[in-house]
Amino acid sequence: KTKQNKIMKIKVLSLVFLFLGVTSCLKSPADGVQVLEVSKYEKKMTQPEVQLVDVRTPEEFSEGHLENAINIDVTADDFDAKVASLDKEKPVMVYCKSGGRSARASARLKELGFKTITDLEGGITNWKSENKPVVK
């Protein structure tokens, strides 16, 4: 009977660890990055001290970007050096074309110690699809 108890304990513990392993990979607001839809992102952009960062290439940026955005290309070698000029205590809002590069940038900003990071869901593509303004 004790052998069966041991096997049962091992099975239960295995399930507990499996559950913890799977859930720790899920994104949650606690991971420090908030992904917002266009209307909520637009509202948050107007808050004081927001640092708005377009993480696309300079070429993409010149074709149209959100007003007051600065361009720091996440694919460039000097990304870390350039974001070092931002204030880690103030909110940083990032976006790219469709959400992939800004997710990467958000993760990197979190690693670098930025406190409040907001990403635009679907990127500037979603922004434009809702007829929101861009500047050149």
Protein backbone atom coordinates (compact mmCIF):
# COMPACT_ATOMS: atom_id res chain seq x y z
CA LYS A 1 0.00 0.00 0.00
CA THR A 2 2.82 2.46 0.76
CA LYS A 3 4.23 1.93 -2.75
CA GLN A 4 0.87 3.03 -4.20
CA ASN A 5 0.87 6.10 -1.91
CA LYS A 6 4.35 7.06 -3.13
CA ILE A 7 3.29 6.69 -6.76
CA MET A 8 0.20 8.80 -6.10
CA LYS A 9 2.28 11.53 -4.40
CA ILE A 10 4.69 11.57 -7.34
CA LYS A 11 1.80 11.89 -9.80
CA VAL A 12 0.20 14.74 -7.83
CA LEU A 13 3.52 16.58 -7.44
CA SER A 14 4.25 16.11 -11.14
CA LEU A 15 0.89 17.67 -12.01
CA VAL A 16 1.51 20.59 -9.64
CA PHE A 17 4.92 21.31 -11.22
CA LEU A 18 3.51 20.93 -14.72
CA PHE A 19 0.72 23.39 -13.89
CA LEU A 20 3.18 25.90 -12.40
CA GLY A 21 5.46 25.52 -15.40
CA VAL A 22 2.69 26.19 -17.89
CA THR A 23 1.11 29.10 -16.04
CA SER A 24 4.44 30.85 -15.44
CA CYS A 25 4.81 31.22 -19.23
CA LEU A 26 1.49 32.98 -19.63
CA LYS A 27 1.58 36.75 -20.05
CA SER A 28 -0.16 38.65 -17.31
CA PRO A 29 -0.42 42.33 -16.40
CA ALA A 30 2.04 41.56 -13.64
CA ASP A 31 4.79 41.02 -16.21
CA GLY A 32 5.08 44.80 -16.46
CA VAL A 33 3.84 45.21 -20.02
CA GLN A 34 0.31 46.35 -20.78
CA VAL A 35 -1.04 45.77 -24.31
CA LEU A 36 -3.86 48.17 -25.13
CA GLU A 37 -6.32 48.48 -28.00
CA VAL A 38 -6.22 51.68 -30.06
CA SER A 39 -8.80 53.76 -28.12
CA LYS A 40 -7.29 53.03 -24.70
CA TYR A 41 -3.75 53.53 -26.04
CA GLU A 42 -4.76 56.89 -27.52
CA LYS A 43 -6.23 57.98 -24.18
CA LYS A 44 -3.12 56.94 -22.27
CA MET A 45 -0.86 58.79 -24.74
CA THR A 46 -2.25 62.09 -23.48
CA GLN A 47 -1.10 61.50 -19.90
CA PRO A 48 1.74 63.71 -18.67
CA GLU A 49 5.31 62.42 -18.82
CA VAL A 50 4.54 59.68 -21.38
CA GLN A 51 7.51 58.72 -23.55
CA LEU A 52 6.16 57.56 -26.93
CA VAL A 53 8.54 55.33 -28.88
CA ASP A 54 8.16 54.05 -32.45
CA VAL A 55 10.41 50.97 -32.62
CA ARG A 56 10.26 50.58 -36.41
CA THR A 57 13.05 51.43 -38.86
CA PRO A 58 13.80 55.10 -39.67
CA GLU A 59 12.40 54.47 -43.19
CA GLU A 60 9.08 53.22 -41.79
CA PHE A 61 9.01 56.09 -39.27
CA SER A 62 9.43 58.68 -42.06
CA GLU A 63 6.43 57.22 -43.91
CA GLY A 64 4.16 58.19 -41.01
CA HIS A 65 4.19 57.93 -37.23
CA LEU A 66 2.17 58.93 -34.18
CA GLU A 67 2.47 62.55 -33.12
CA ASN A 68 5.26 63.25 -30.60
CA ALA A 69 6.79 59.80 -31.10
CA ILE A 70 10.54 59.35 -31.10
CA ASN A 71 12.10 56.69 -33.31
CA ILE A 72 14.31 54.05 -31.68
CA ASP A 73 14.69 51.05 -34.00
CA VAL A 74 14.48 47.81 -31.98
CA THR A 75 16.39 45.92 -34.68
CA ALA A 76 19.36 48.33 -34.54
CA ASP A 77 22.51 47.47 -32.60
CA ASP A 78 22.29 50.70 -30.60
CA PHE A 79 18.74 50.11 -29.26
CA ASP A 80 19.93 49.69 -25.62
CA ALA A 81 22.16 52.76 -25.86
CA LYS A 82 19.36 54.91 -27.27
CA VAL A 83 16.69 53.84 -24.77
CA ALA A 84 19.17 54.63 -21.99
CA SER A 85 18.28 58.30 -22.62
CA LEU A 86 14.68 57.61 -21.53
CA ASP A 87 13.49 57.92 -17.93
CA LYS A 88 12.87 54.46 -16.43
CA GLU A 89 10.45 55.90 -13.87
CA LYS A 90 8.17 57.54 -16.45
CA PRO A 91 5.69 55.57 -18.59
CA VAL A 92 7.01 54.32 -21.93
CA MET A 93 4.57 53.60 -24.74
CA VAL A 94 5.82 51.60 -27.71
CA TYR A 95 4.44 50.56 -31.08
CA CYS A 96 5.62 49.10 -34.37
CA LYS A 97 3.87 48.03 -37.56
CA SER A 98 1.74 45.17 -36.25
CA GLY A 99 2.89 44.28 -32.72
CA GLY A 100 5.81 41.85 -33.11
CA ARG A 101 8.77 44.21 -32.77
CA SER A 102 7.08 46.28 -30.06
CA ALA A 103 6.54 43.10 -28.01
CA ARG A 104 10.27 42.42 -28.36
CA ALA A 105 11.09 46.02 -27.44
CA SER A 106 8.75 45.86 -24.43
CA ALA A 107 10.45 42.72 -23.12
CA ARG A 108 13.86 44.37 -23.53
CA LEU A 109 12.72 47.57 -21.79
CA LYS A 110 11.45 45.48 -18.89
CA GLU A 111 14.83 43.71 -18.67
CA LEU A 112 16.51 47.13 -18.63
CA GLY A 113 14.43 48.18 -15.61
CA PHE A 114 11.64 50.31 -17.08
CA LYS A 115 8.66 50.39 -14.71
CA THR A 116 5.59 51.12 -16.87
CA ILE A 117 5.50 49.84 -20.43
CA THR A 118 2.48 49.99 -22.74
CA ASP A 119 2.33 48.37 -26.17
CA LEU A 120 -0.15 49.22 -28.95
CA GLU A 121 -2.15 46.12 -29.88
CA GLY A 122 -1.81 45.48 -33.61
CA GLY A 123 0.63 48.37 -34.02
CA ILE A 124 0.26 51.35 -36.32
CA THR A 125 -1.62 49.10 -38.76
CA ASN A 126 -4.53 48.90 -36.27
CA TRP A 127 -4.15 52.62 -35.50
CA LYS A 128 -4.56 53.54 -39.18
CA SER A 129 -7.43 51.08 -39.66
CA GLU A 130 -9.37 53.12 -37.08
CA ASN A 131 -8.60 56.33 -39.06
CA LYS A 132 -6.40 57.74 -36.31
CA PRO A 133 -3.96 60.52 -37.28
CA VAL A 134 -0.33 59.99 -38.28
CA VAL A 135 2.28 62.65 -39.02
CA LYS A 136 5.20 62.63 -41.47
